[in-house]
Amino acid sequence: MADSKLMQGTKALTLATLASKMLGFIYIIPFVPIVGQQGVALYQNGYMPYTIVLTLATMGVPVAMSKYVSKYHALGDYETAHRLFKSGIFLMAITGFIAFLILFLAAPFLATISYKPQPNDLYTFDDVVFVIRMVSVALLIIPIMAILRGYLQGFQQMVPTSVSQVIEQIVRILFILTAAFVVMRLGSGDMPLAVGFATFGAFIGGFGGLAVLIWYYLKQRAAILEKVNQTKNTVKTRQSLPKMYKELISYALPFSFVGLSIPLFQNVDVYTIEGAMTAAGQGEDGKVFVAVLTGMAHKIVLIPMALATALSITLVPTITKAYTTGNTNLLQGYITQTYQVILFVTVPATVGMAVLAEPIYFALFGQPASFELGVETLRYYAPSALFFAIYAVTGAILQGMNRQKNAVLSLVIALLLKLGLTYLFIIWFGPYGAIWTTYIGFGAGIALNVYAIGRFAKYDYTFVFRRALLIFIFTAIMGVAVWVVGAGFSNLLPDLSRLATFGPLLISVGVGVIVYFYLAIRSHLAGKILGDRFKL
């Protein structure tokens, strides 16, 4: 099972997503010293609304397009899928332009919501507007890239998406760091200007990713057109474009909304934390906590999400094909495999991150004034990786089964809980209240998704629960081993420099990996989940 087409298609995407998230995290290490923590907070003020508008502009097109293409390819109709792709490029260009105008013009309104002036501020309301407008330009190009990715994914070709993700991220990060360094160290030293150019990196990176996708498409265009021409004369009734768009949008809107889950939760934090902390008498720490939670800890937490992100992209066309052809056994096999793999990888990664929060944060960011806040934030926030991962794959399974309504309903309920409780929880429990409401919201959403999968796929969770219990037991043993090793290093070498901390940290991580995999291999769990290579 572990060597199935699902996992084969996921491998390239997992590696690319992991590389992309690692790059997206690593650049923060030099970026923070260049622009400071308030610079990171300003960056988040611009980037968070962009993420929302981008998701709405692309309307979930990459996954929706892959679902549409996969469905019609399963029916032997390549011509219909290709017609939609060609007209969709023009549509996405228009959508991107409209989205750019909306975000550019709405920048003052968005800045009014997120910016709460404090005596120690290093940026102003106008700077927030400037940063939002700089990043909005990327909306002119990213939606076109989205439809190209989706079309190629529909052929179950994940390498073009994988390579374009990595190239896009590399180009973006090189531009971010170069622009910030030039402005801050060689130029005027104007922090808001440096952050504005940093957000413009999304546009530059988009060009790199688009160039890669165009190259892959042109390389395969002859083979694609051959299949299209072979099926042109076999299609009995040619669908009209409005009918095709109606079907695509019925897939895309739920994908778009569900894809907004993490950005929406982050935006609730960005737009709520400062106001709530001001009401609680901690307003001066609001911007720092926004930077620590959404700009620093969140990027670390997203690294274990790489597998879930790749799985959720691969799952939709794969499960759609099994569902369309009525292959119930294959469908349930994919669901079982998905649950096992995501739990096997994410649970130990989450626990290890929480146990080693202090050395991780110190090695990556040094010891700023907000060090204790950063360490505790990372420790409390680490389990969110598991919540995000399970929600992503369960949502993808539901949408692959054409249960979009259930996926949307779970997110609406999750978001209402987050919106309704965050302000109160911050006032009652301090800044960490924002983290507790994330768990409450995503926990409710996961429960609804899991129930819906069980009901509509007639899926029995008994087997997965037994496997999950074993994974949690092995993870607990691993966590104790990592804690003992980490505590030993802290007592023996208490005054290590930031660079020297990487040594003990890597050893602690290595011990955790060895202990966990030893238990998993000896119990035959690894072989059953990951394949024959991991059997004794």
Protein backbone atom coordinates (compact mmCIF):
# COMPACT_ATOMS: atom_id res chain seq x y z
CA MET A 1 0.00 0.00 0.00
CA ALA A 2 2.79 2.40 0.85
CA ASP A 3 4.15 2.13 -2.71
CA SER A 4 0.81 3.00 -4.29
CA LYS A 5 0.30 5.69 -6.89
CA LEU A 6 -0.84 8.05 -4.15
CA MET A 7 2.54 7.92 -2.40
CA GLN A 8 4.49 7.96 -5.66
CA GLY A 9 2.76 11.18 -6.63
CA THR A 10 3.30 12.60 -3.17
CA LYS A 11 7.06 12.03 -2.95
CA ALA A 12 8.17 14.83 -5.27
CA LEU A 13 5.63 17.25 -3.82
CA THR A 14 6.65 16.39 -0.26
CA LEU A 15 10.32 17.06 -0.96
CA ALA A 16 9.51 20.27 -2.82
CA THR A 17 7.07 21.48 -0.18
CA LEU A 18 9.54 20.66 2.58
CA ALA A 19 12.30 22.50 0.71
CA SER A 20 9.96 25.45 0.09
CA LYS A 21 8.89 25.65 3.73
CA MET A 22 12.48 25.28 4.93
CA LEU A 23 13.53 28.13 2.65
CA GLY A 24 10.50 30.15 3.75
CA PHE A 25 11.61 29.63 7.33
CA ILE A 26 15.38 29.97 6.95
CA TYR A 27 15.19 33.44 5.43
CA ILE A 28 13.57 34.68 8.65
CA ILE A 29 16.85 33.99 10.51
CA PRO A 30 18.80 36.77 8.70
CA PHE A 31 15.68 38.84 8.00
CA VAL A 32 14.89 39.47 11.68
CA PRO A 33 18.32 41.01 12.49
CA ILE A 34 18.11 43.15 9.35
CA VAL A 35 14.65 44.71 9.91
CA GLY A 36 13.98 43.87 13.60
CA GLN A 37 10.91 42.31 15.19
CA GLN A 38 8.73 45.30 14.39
CA GLY A 39 9.85 44.93 10.78
CA VAL A 40 8.59 41.33 10.86
CA ALA A 41 5.29 42.53 12.35
CA LEU A 42 4.98 45.11 9.55
CA TYR A 43 5.75 42.41 6.98
CA GLN A 44 2.96 40.24 8.43
CA ASN A 45 0.55 43.19 8.32
CA GLY A 46 1.10 43.35 4.57
CA TYR A 47 1.43 39.67 3.77
CA MET A 48 -1.58 38.32 5.67
CA PRO A 49 -4.29 40.20 3.71
CA TYR A 50 -2.39 39.40 0.49
CA THR A 51 -2.60 35.69 1.33
CA ILE A 52 -6.36 35.93 1.76
CA VAL A 53 -6.95 37.87 -1.46
CA LEU A 54 -4.57 35.58 -3.38
CA THR A 55 -6.50 32.51 -2.28
CA LEU A 56 -9.77 34.14 -3.31
CA ALA A 57 -8.28 35.28 -6.63
CA THR A 58 -7.08 31.80 -7.54
CA MET A 59 -10.39 30.38 -6.23
CA GLY A 60 -8.77 27.07 -5.36
CA VAL A 61 -8.03 26.65 -9.07
CA PRO A 62 -4.88 24.45 -8.83
CA VAL A 63 -6.64 21.66 -6.92
CA ALA A 64 -10.03 22.24 -8.56
CA MET A 65 -8.45 22.12 -12.02
CA SER A 66 -6.59 18.92 -11.14
CA LYS A 67 -9.88 17.40 -9.93
CA TYR A 68 -11.68 18.47 -13.13
CA VAL A 69 -8.92 17.21 -15.42
CA SER A 70 -8.57 13.94 -13.50
CA LYS A 71 -12.32 13.32 -13.72
CA TYR A 72 -12.53 13.82 -17.49
CA HIS A 73 -9.33 11.93 -18.15
CA ALA A 74 -10.83 8.99 -16.22
CA LEU A 75 -13.78 9.23 -18.63
CA GLY A 76 -11.38 9.34 -21.62
CA ASP A 77 -12.28 12.97 -22.48
CA TYR A 78 -9.01 14.91 -22.83
CA GLU A 79 -10.53 17.50 -25.16
CA THR A 80 -12.97 18.96 -22.61
CA ALA A 81 -10.26 19.40 -19.99
CA HIS A 82 -7.92 21.10 -22.48
CA ARG A 83 -10.59 23.53 -23.67
CA LEU A 84 -11.22 24.62 -20.10
CA PHE A 85 -7.50 25.05 -19.50
CA LYS A 86 -7.02 27.31 -22.54
CA SER A 87 -9.93 29.60 -21.70
CA GLY A 88 -9.03 29.48 -18.00
CA ILE A 89 -5.69 31.20 -18.56
CA PHE A 90 -7.48 34.30 -19.82
CA LEU A 91 -10.00 34.12 -16.98
CA MET A 92 -7.28 33.90 -14.33
CA ALA A 93 -5.45 36.88 -15.85
CA ILE A 94 -8.62 38.96 -15.43
CA THR A 95 -9.22 37.61 -11.92
CA GLY A 96 -5.67 38.47 -10.91
CA PHE A 97 -6.01 42.04 -12.19
CA ILE A 98 -9.29 42.54 -10.31
CA ALA A 99 -7.76 41.11 -7.14
CA PHE A 100 -4.79 43.47 -7.49
CA LEU A 101 -7.09 46.49 -7.76
CA ILE A 102 -9.15 45.39 -4.76
CA LEU A 103 -6.15 44.89 -2.48
CA PHE A 104 -4.40 48.05 -3.69
CA LEU A 105 -7.47 50.23 -3.13
CA ALA A 106 -8.47 48.54 0.13
CA ALA A 107 -5.02 48.98 1.69
CA PRO A 108 -5.99 52.01 3.85
CA PHE A 109 -9.05 50.18 5.22
CA LEU A 110 -7.03 47.05 6.03
CA ALA A 111 -4.33 49.14 7.67
CA THR A 112 -6.96 50.82 9.85
CA ILE A 113 -8.05 47.42 11.17
CA SER A 114 -4.59 45.98 11.86
CA TYR A 115 -2.53 49.00 12.95
CA LYS A 116 -2.83 50.12 16.58
CA PRO A 117 -0.36 52.97 17.28
CA GLN A 118 1.89 52.57 20.32
CA PRO A 119 4.55 54.94 21.78
CA ASN A 120 7.45 52.67 20.77
CA ASP A 121 6.34 52.14 17.15
CA LEU A 122 8.99 52.19 14.42
CA TYR A 123 6.44 52.41 11.61
CA THR A 124 3.25 54.32 10.87
CA PHE A 125 -0.19 53.81 9.38
CA ASP A 126 1.09 55.02 5.99
CA ASP A 127 3.87 52.43 6.11
CA VAL A 128 1.32 49.62 6.54
CA VAL A 129 -0.60 50.93 3.51
CA PHE A 130 2.64 51.07 1.50
CA VAL A 131 3.59 47.48 2.35
CA ILE A 132 0.13 46.11 1.45
CA ARG A 133 0.25 47.91 -1.90
CA MET A 134 3.75 46.64 -2.69
CA VAL A 135 2.76 43.00 -2.20
CA SER A 136 -0.53 43.44 -4.10
CA VAL A 137 1.36 43.58 -7.44
CA ALA A 138 2.06 39.83 -7.18
CA LEU A 139 -1.64 39.19 -7.78
CA LEU A 140 -1.13 40.09 -11.43
CA ILE A 141 0.89 36.93 -12.08
CA ILE A 142 0.26 34.25 -9.43
CA PRO A 143 -3.28 33.26 -10.59
CA ILE A 144 -1.96 32.42 -14.09
CA MET A 145 0.64 30.19 -12.46
CA ALA A 146 -2.12 28.51 -10.45
CA ILE A 147 -4.07 27.23 -13.44
CA LEU A 148 -0.91 25.87 -15.10
CA ARG A 149 -0.09 23.93 -11.94
CA GLY A 150 -3.61 22.55 -11.68
CA TYR A 151 -3.72 21.39 -15.30
CA LEU A 152 -0.44 19.49 -15.04
CA GLN A 153 -1.50 18.01 -11.66
CA GLY A 154 -4.60 16.66 -13.38
CA PHE A 155 -2.26 14.41 -15.39
CA GLN A 156 -0.95 13.32 -11.95
CA GLN A 157 2.34 15.03 -12.83
CA MET A 158 3.54 16.60 -9.60
CA VAL A 159 7.14 17.38 -10.62
CA PRO A 160 6.29 20.66 -12.48
CA THR A 161 4.47 21.98 -9.41
CA SER A 162 7.31 20.79 -7.17
CA VAL A 163 10.10 22.43 -9.16
CA SER A 164 8.17 25.67 -9.70
CA GLN A 165 7.46 25.93 -5.94
CA VAL A 166 11.14 25.65 -5.08
CA ILE A 167 12.30 28.07 -7.81
CA GLU A 168 9.60 30.57 -6.86
CA GLN A 169 10.69 30.44 -3.23
CA ILE A 170 14.41 30.72 -4.00
CA VAL A 171 13.93 33.75 -6.26
CA ARG A 172 11.57 35.39 -3.75
CA ILE A 173 13.91 34.90 -0.79
CA LEU A 174 17.02 36.07 -2.63
CA PHE A 175 15.15 39.25 -3.57
CA ILE A 176 13.78 39.75 -0.03
CA LEU A 177 17.16 39.47 1.67
CA THR A 178 19.04 41.45 -0.99
CA ALA A 179 16.50 44.29 -0.99
CA ALA A 180 16.30 44.44 2.82
CA PHE A 181 20.09 44.37 3.19
CA VAL A 182 20.68 47.04 0.55
CA VAL A 183 18.13 49.43 2.07
CA MET A 184 19.05 48.85 5.72
CA ARG A 185 22.83 48.44 5.49
CA LEU A 186 23.90 50.20 2.31
CA GLY A 187 21.07 52.67 1.82
CA SER A 188 18.90 54.96 3.89
CA GLY A 189 18.21 52.48 6.70
CA ASP A 190 14.47 53.11 6.27
CA MET A 191 12.91 49.97 7.78
CA PRO A 192 9.40 50.36 6.26
CA LEU A 193 10.98 50.86 2.82
CA ALA A 194 13.04 47.69 3.28
CA VAL A 195 9.96 45.71 4.32
CA GLY A 196 7.97 47.09 1.38
CA PHE A 197 10.59 45.88 -1.09
CA ALA A 198 10.71 42.55 0.77
CA THR A 199 6.99 41.98 0.19
CA PHE A 200 7.49 42.89 -3.49
CA GLY A 201 9.57 39.72 -3.64
CA ALA A 202 6.31 37.76 -4.04
CA PHE A 203 5.96 39.29 -7.53
CA ILE A 204 9.58 38.57 -8.49
CA GLY A 205 9.35 34.99 -7.22
CA GLY A 206 6.14 34.49 -9.18
CA PHE A 207 8.00 35.19 -12.42
CA GLY A 208 10.51 32.47 -11.60
CA GLY A 209 7.81 29.90 -10.82
CA LEU A 210 5.78 30.80 -13.93
CA ALA A 211 8.82 30.43 -16.19
CA VAL A 212 9.39 26.89 -14.90
CA LEU A 213 5.75 25.87 -15.48
CA ILE A 214 5.72 27.28 -19.02
CA TRP A 215 8.87 25.31 -19.80
CA TYR A 216 7.31 22.06 -18.53
CA TYR A 217 4.09 22.66 -20.45
CA LEU A 218 5.85 23.43 -23.73
CA LYS A 219 7.97 20.33 -23.26
CA GLN A 220 4.83 18.15 -23.02
CA ARG A 221 2.53 20.15 -25.29
CA ALA A 222 2.90 17.84 -28.32
CA ALA A 223 2.00 14.74 -26.28
CA ILE A 224 -0.93 16.53 -24.63
CA LEU A 225 -2.33 17.77 -27.96
CA GLU A 226 -2.03 14.27 -29.42
CA LYS A 227 -4.30 12.90 -26.67
CA VAL A 228 -6.67 15.84 -27.12
CA ASN A 229 -6.93 15.26 -30.89
CA GLN A 230 -7.51 11.53 -30.38
CA THR A 231 -10.57 12.21 -28.21
CA LYS A 232 -12.02 15.17 -30.16
CA ASN A 233 -14.09 12.97 -32.44
CA THR A 234 -15.18 10.58 -29.67
CA VAL A 235 -16.87 13.24 -27.53
CA LYS A 236 -20.59 12.93 -28.27
CA THR A 237 -21.73 16.23 -26.77
CA ARG A 238 -19.39 19.19 -26.60
CA GLN A 239 -19.93 21.09 -23.34
CA SER A 240 -20.36 24.84 -23.46
CA LEU A 241 -17.81 26.99 -21.67
CA PRO A 242 -20.40 28.34 -19.17
CA LYS A 243 -21.31 24.78 -18.20
CA MET A 244 -17.64 23.87 -17.83
CA TYR A 245 -16.96 26.96 -15.71
CA LYS A 246 -19.98 26.21 -13.56
CA GLU A 247 -18.60 22.75 -12.77
CA LEU A 248 -15.08 24.09 -12.15
CA ILE A 249 -16.35 26.84 -9.86
CA SER A 250 -18.44 24.31 -7.92
CA TYR A 251 -15.13 22.59 -7.14
CA ALA A 252 -13.02 25.72 -6.85
CA LEU A 253 -14.97 27.83 -4.36
CA PRO A 254 -14.90 25.18 -1.60
CA PHE A 255 -11.21 24.51 -2.31
CA SER A 256 -10.54 28.23 -2.11
CA PHE A 257 -12.39 28.62 1.17
CA VAL A 258 -10.93 25.53 2.81
CA GLY A 259 -7.47 26.52 1.57
CA LEU A 260 -7.93 29.74 3.54
CA SER A 261 -8.16 27.90 6.87
CA ILE A 262 -4.67 28.69 8.19
CA PRO A 263 -4.43 32.21 6.66
CA LEU A 264 -7.87 33.09 8.03
CA PHE A 265 -6.90 31.96 11.51
CA GLN A 266 -3.66 33.95 11.23
CA ASN A 267 -5.56 37.03 10.10
CA VAL A 268 -7.84 36.75 13.12
CA ASP A 269 -4.67 36.83 15.26
CA VAL A 270 -3.09 39.73 13.34
CA TYR A 271 -6.24 41.86 13.54
CA THR A 272 -7.18 40.90 17.11
CA ILE A 273 -4.04 40.51 19.21
CA GLU A 274 -2.97 44.15 19.43
CA GLY A 275 -6.44 45.43 20.31
CA ALA A 276 -7.06 42.70 22.88
CA MET A 277 -3.63 43.12 24.49
CA THR A 278 -4.19 46.88 24.64
CA ALA A 279 -7.50 46.26 26.41
CA ALA A 280 -5.66 43.95 28.82
CA GLY A 281 -3.02 46.61 29.53
CA GLN A 282 -0.25 44.90 27.53
CA GLY A 283 -0.48 46.97 24.35
CA GLU A 284 3.25 47.66 24.02
CA ASP A 285 3.93 43.94 23.64
CA GLY A 286 1.23 43.46 20.99
CA LYS A 287 3.38 44.03 17.91
CA VAL A 288 6.17 41.86 19.30
CA PHE A 289 3.76 38.98 19.97
CA VAL A 290 2.27 39.29 16.47
CA ALA A 291 5.79 38.99 15.03
CA VAL A 292 6.72 36.07 17.31
CA LEU A 293 3.52 34.10 16.73
CA THR A 294 2.67 34.71 13.07
CA GLY A 295 6.10 35.53 11.67
CA MET A 296 8.53 33.33 13.61
CA ALA A 297 6.92 30.43 15.55
CA HIS A 298 4.38 29.83 12.77
CA LYS A 299 7.09 29.34 10.15
CA ILE A 300 8.82 26.73 12.32
CA VAL A 301 5.52 24.92 12.90
CA LEU A 302 4.77 24.80 9.17
CA ILE A 303 7.84 22.65 8.43
CA PRO A 304 6.22 19.36 9.58
CA MET A 305 3.22 20.42 7.46
CA ALA A 306 5.15 19.70 4.25
CA LEU A 307 3.87 16.13 3.99
CA ALA A 308 0.28 17.15 4.71
CA THR A 309 0.43 19.91 2.10
CA ALA A 310 1.79 17.52 -0.51
CA LEU A 311 -0.73 14.82 0.41
CA SER A 312 -3.67 17.21 0.25
CA ILE A 313 -2.67 18.28 -3.28
CA THR A 314 -2.13 14.69 -4.47
CA LEU A 315 -5.18 13.28 -2.70
CA VAL A 316 -7.85 15.22 -4.58
CA PRO A 317 -7.26 13.94 -8.15
CA THR A 318 -6.33 10.47 -6.83
CA ILE A 319 -9.42 10.07 -4.64
CA THR A 320 -11.61 11.68 -7.31
CA LYS A 321 -10.54 9.00 -9.80
CA ALA A 322 -11.27 6.19 -7.31
CA TYR A 323 -14.60 7.81 -6.37
CA THR A 324 -15.65 8.46 -10.00
CA THR A 325 -14.93 4.86 -11.02
CA GLY A 326 -16.75 3.52 -7.93
CA ASN A 327 -13.73 1.68 -6.56
CA THR A 328 -14.69 1.66 -2.85
CA ASN A 329 -11.85 -0.59 -1.72
CA LEU A 330 -9.24 1.63 -3.36
CA LEU A 331 -10.89 4.75 -1.90
CA GLN A 332 -10.84 3.36 1.64
CA GLY A 333 -7.28 2.16 1.13
CA TYR A 334 -6.19 5.70 0.23
CA ILE A 335 -7.94 7.07 3.32
CA THR A 336 -6.24 4.53 5.62
CA GLN A 337 -2.86 5.16 4.07
CA THR A 338 -3.26 8.92 4.40
CA TYR A 339 -4.19 8.82 8.07
CA GLN A 340 -1.34 6.46 8.93
CA VAL A 341 1.37 8.38 7.09
CA ILE A 342 0.34 11.80 8.39
CA LEU A 343 0.19 10.59 12.00
CA PHE A 344 3.43 8.60 11.73
CA VAL A 345 5.40 11.67 10.59
CA THR A 346 3.65 14.62 12.22
CA VAL A 347 3.05 13.36 15.78
CA PRO A 348 6.74 12.80 16.67
CA ALA A 349 7.79 16.00 14.85
CA THR A 350 5.28 18.00 16.90
CA VAL A 351 6.35 16.54 20.24
CA GLY A 352 10.04 16.95 19.44
CA MET A 353 9.48 20.59 18.54
CA ALA A 354 7.70 21.25 21.84
CA VAL A 355 10.35 19.49 23.94
CA LEU A 356 13.25 21.28 22.21
CA ALA A 357 11.53 24.67 21.92
CA GLU A 358 14.20 26.56 23.89
CA PRO A 359 17.32 25.37 22.01
CA ILE A 360 15.48 25.63 18.67
CA TYR A 361 14.45 29.23 19.29
CA PHE A 362 17.86 30.22 20.67
CA ALA A 363 19.77 28.59 17.79
CA LEU A 364 17.59 30.27 15.19
CA PHE A 365 16.92 33.71 16.63
CA GLY A 366 19.46 34.23 19.40
CA GLN A 367 18.33 35.78 22.67
CA PRO A 368 16.36 38.96 21.97
CA ALA A 369 14.40 40.78 24.66
CA SER A 370 11.37 38.67 23.75
CA PHE A 371 13.27 35.37 24.13
CA GLU A 372 11.10 33.89 26.89
CA LEU A 373 7.95 34.92 25.06
CA GLY A 374 9.25 33.30 21.87
CA VAL A 375 10.21 30.03 23.56
CA GLU A 376 6.87 29.65 25.35
CA THR A 377 4.98 30.61 22.20
CA LEU A 378 6.79 27.94 20.18
CA ARG A 379 6.27 25.33 22.91
CA TYR A 380 2.53 25.99 23.19
CA TYR A 381 2.06 26.46 19.44
CA ALA A 382 4.01 23.35 18.31
CA PRO A 383 0.99 20.95 18.49
CA SER A 384 -0.80 23.14 15.95
CA ALA A 385 1.28 21.40 13.25
CA LEU A 386 -0.67 18.20 13.95
CA PHE A 387 -4.01 20.04 13.93
CA PHE A 388 -3.16 21.81 10.65
CA ALA A 389 -1.98 18.57 9.03
CA ILE A 390 -5.01 16.48 9.96
CA TYR A 391 -7.42 19.24 8.96
CA ALA A 392 -5.68 19.67 5.57
CA VAL A 393 -5.81 16.00 4.61
CA THR A 394 -9.33 15.35 5.91
CA GLY A 395 -10.57 18.39 3.99
CA ALA A 396 -8.84 17.11 0.85
CA ILE A 397 -10.39 13.65 1.27
CA LEU A 398 -13.88 15.14 1.57
CA GLN A 399 -13.42 17.30 -1.52
CA GLY A 400 -12.05 14.38 -3.49
CA MET A 401 -15.30 12.58 -2.60
CA ASN A 402 -17.39 15.56 -3.79
CA ARG A 403 -18.37 16.39 -0.20
CA GLN A 404 -17.35 20.04 -0.53
CA LYS A 405 -20.28 21.22 1.58
CA ASN A 406 -19.04 19.25 4.58
CA ALA A 407 -15.52 20.65 4.23
CA VAL A 408 -16.86 24.22 4.03
CA LEU A 409 -19.23 23.69 6.97
CA SER A 410 -16.42 22.45 9.20
CA LEU A 411 -14.30 25.51 8.38
CA VAL A 412 -17.19 27.93 8.99
CA ILE A 413 -17.78 26.45 12.44
CA ALA A 414 -14.04 26.40 13.21
CA LEU A 415 -13.65 30.03 12.11
CA LEU A 416 -16.70 31.20 14.09
CA LEU A 417 -15.20 29.65 17.23
CA LYS A 418 -11.86 31.33 16.54
CA LEU A 419 -13.49 34.71 15.86
CA GLY A 420 -15.82 34.51 18.82
CA LEU A 421 -13.26 33.44 21.42
CA THR A 422 -9.88 35.00 20.52
CA TYR A 423 -10.46 38.50 21.93
CA LEU A 424 -11.92 37.13 25.16
CA PHE A 425 -9.25 34.47 25.60
CA ILE A 426 -6.44 37.00 25.20
CA ILE A 427 -7.99 39.20 27.87
CA TRP A 428 -8.61 36.23 30.19
CA PHE A 429 -5.42 34.20 29.62
CA GLY A 430 -2.97 36.69 28.13
CA PRO A 431 -1.44 36.50 24.63
CA TYR A 432 -1.37 32.68 24.63
CA GLY A 433 -5.17 32.76 24.55
CA ALA A 434 -4.84 33.24 20.79
CA ILE A 435 -3.14 29.83 20.59
CA TRP A 436 -5.84 28.10 22.67
CA THR A 437 -8.57 29.35 20.33
CA THR A 438 -6.66 27.98 17.35
CA TYR A 439 -6.81 24.53 18.95
CA ILE A 440 -10.49 24.89 19.77
CA GLY A 441 -11.37 25.99 16.24
CA PHE A 442 -9.31 23.43 14.36
CA GLY A 443 -10.30 20.70 16.83
CA ALA A 444 -13.96 21.27 16.05
CA GLY A 445 -13.28 21.34 12.30
CA ILE A 446 -11.31 18.09 12.43
CA ALA A 447 -14.06 16.35 14.42
CA LEU A 448 -16.65 17.30 11.80
CA ASN A 449 -14.41 16.21 8.90
CA VAL A 450 -13.57 12.87 10.50
CA TYR A 451 -17.26 12.19 11.15
CA ALA A 452 -18.21 13.07 7.57
CA ILE A 453 -15.53 10.79 6.10
CA GLY A 454 -16.71 7.93 8.30
CA ARG A 455 -20.31 8.49 7.26
CA PHE A 456 -19.99 9.07 3.50
CA ALA A 457 -17.09 6.71 2.78
CA LYS A 458 -18.51 4.13 5.21
CA TYR A 459 -15.08 4.18 6.77
CA ASP A 460 -14.33 2.19 9.95
CA TYR A 461 -11.76 4.01 12.14
CA THR A 462 -10.96 1.05 14.41
CA PHE A 463 -7.77 0.12 12.57
CA VAL A 464 -6.51 3.73 12.37
CA PHE A 465 -7.20 4.28 16.09
CA ARG A 466 -5.09 1.23 16.95
CA ARG A 467 -2.24 2.47 14.79
CA ALA A 468 -2.55 5.99 16.24
CA LEU A 469 -2.34 4.62 19.79
CA LEU A 470 0.89 2.81 18.94
CA ILE A 471 2.32 5.95 17.33
CA PHE A 472 1.50 8.03 20.42
CA ILE A 473 3.13 5.45 22.72
CA PHE A 474 6.33 5.41 20.66
CA THR A 475 6.27 9.22 20.50
CA ALA A 476 5.97 9.49 24.29
CA ILE A 477 9.03 7.26 24.74
CA MET A 478 10.89 9.31 22.14
CA GLY A 479 9.87 12.56 23.88
CA VAL A 480 11.29 11.36 27.21
CA ALA A 481 14.58 10.36 25.52
CA VAL A 482 14.87 13.74 23.78
CA TRP A 483 14.10 15.60 27.01
CA VAL A 484 16.74 13.64 28.95
CA VAL A 485 19.42 14.32 26.31
CA GLY A 486 18.43 17.99 25.97
CA ALA A 487 18.38 18.52 29.74
CA GLY A 488 21.77 16.83 30.01
CA PHE A 489 23.32 19.19 27.50
CA SER A 490 21.73 22.21 29.24
CA ASN A 491 23.29 21.20 32.57
CA LEU A 492 26.70 20.22 31.20
CA LEU A 493 27.02 23.09 28.68
CA PRO A 494 24.89 25.95 30.03
CA ASP A 495 26.64 28.88 28.32
CA LEU A 496 26.92 27.80 24.69
CA SER A 497 26.90 30.41 21.96
CA ARG A 498 24.08 30.56 19.45
CA LEU A 499 26.14 28.78 16.77
CA ALA A 500 27.46 26.14 19.18
CA THR A 501 23.89 25.29 20.24
CA PHE A 502 23.27 23.66 16.87
CA GLY A 503 25.54 20.73 17.84
CA PRO A 504 23.63 19.56 20.93
CA LEU A 505 20.35 20.38 19.19
CA LEU A 506 21.15 18.14 16.22
CA ILE A 507 22.29 15.36 18.56
CA SER A 508 19.02 15.61 20.52
CA VAL A 509 17.01 15.47 17.30
CA GLY A 510 19.11 12.52 16.12
CA VAL A 511 18.45 10.64 19.35
CA GLY A 512 14.72 11.21 18.91
CA VAL A 513 14.77 9.95 15.31
CA ILE A 514 16.79 6.85 16.27
CA VAL A 515 14.58 5.96 19.25
CA TYR A 516 11.34 6.48 17.33
CA PHE A 517 12.41 4.58 14.22
CA TYR A 518 13.96 1.77 16.26
CA LEU A 519 10.63 1.23 18.03
CA ALA A 520 8.69 1.56 14.77
CA ILE A 521 10.90 -0.86 12.87
CA ARG A 522 11.16 -3.45 15.67
CA SER A 523 7.36 -3.44 16.01
CA HIS A 524 6.98 -3.71 12.18
CA LEU A 525 4.94 -0.49 12.23
CA ALA A 526 7.33 1.35 9.90
CA GLY A 527 7.25 -1.42 7.31
CA LYS A 528 3.45 -1.56 7.31
CA ILE A 529 3.10 2.20 6.86
CA LEU A 530 6.14 3.23 4.80
CA GLY A 531 6.77 0.09 2.78
CA ASP A 532 9.10 -2.89 2.47
CA ARG A 533 12.28 -0.82 2.75
CA PHE A 534 11.56 -0.30 6.44
CA LYS A 535 10.88 -3.94 7.25
CA LEU A 536 13.32 -5.98 9.32
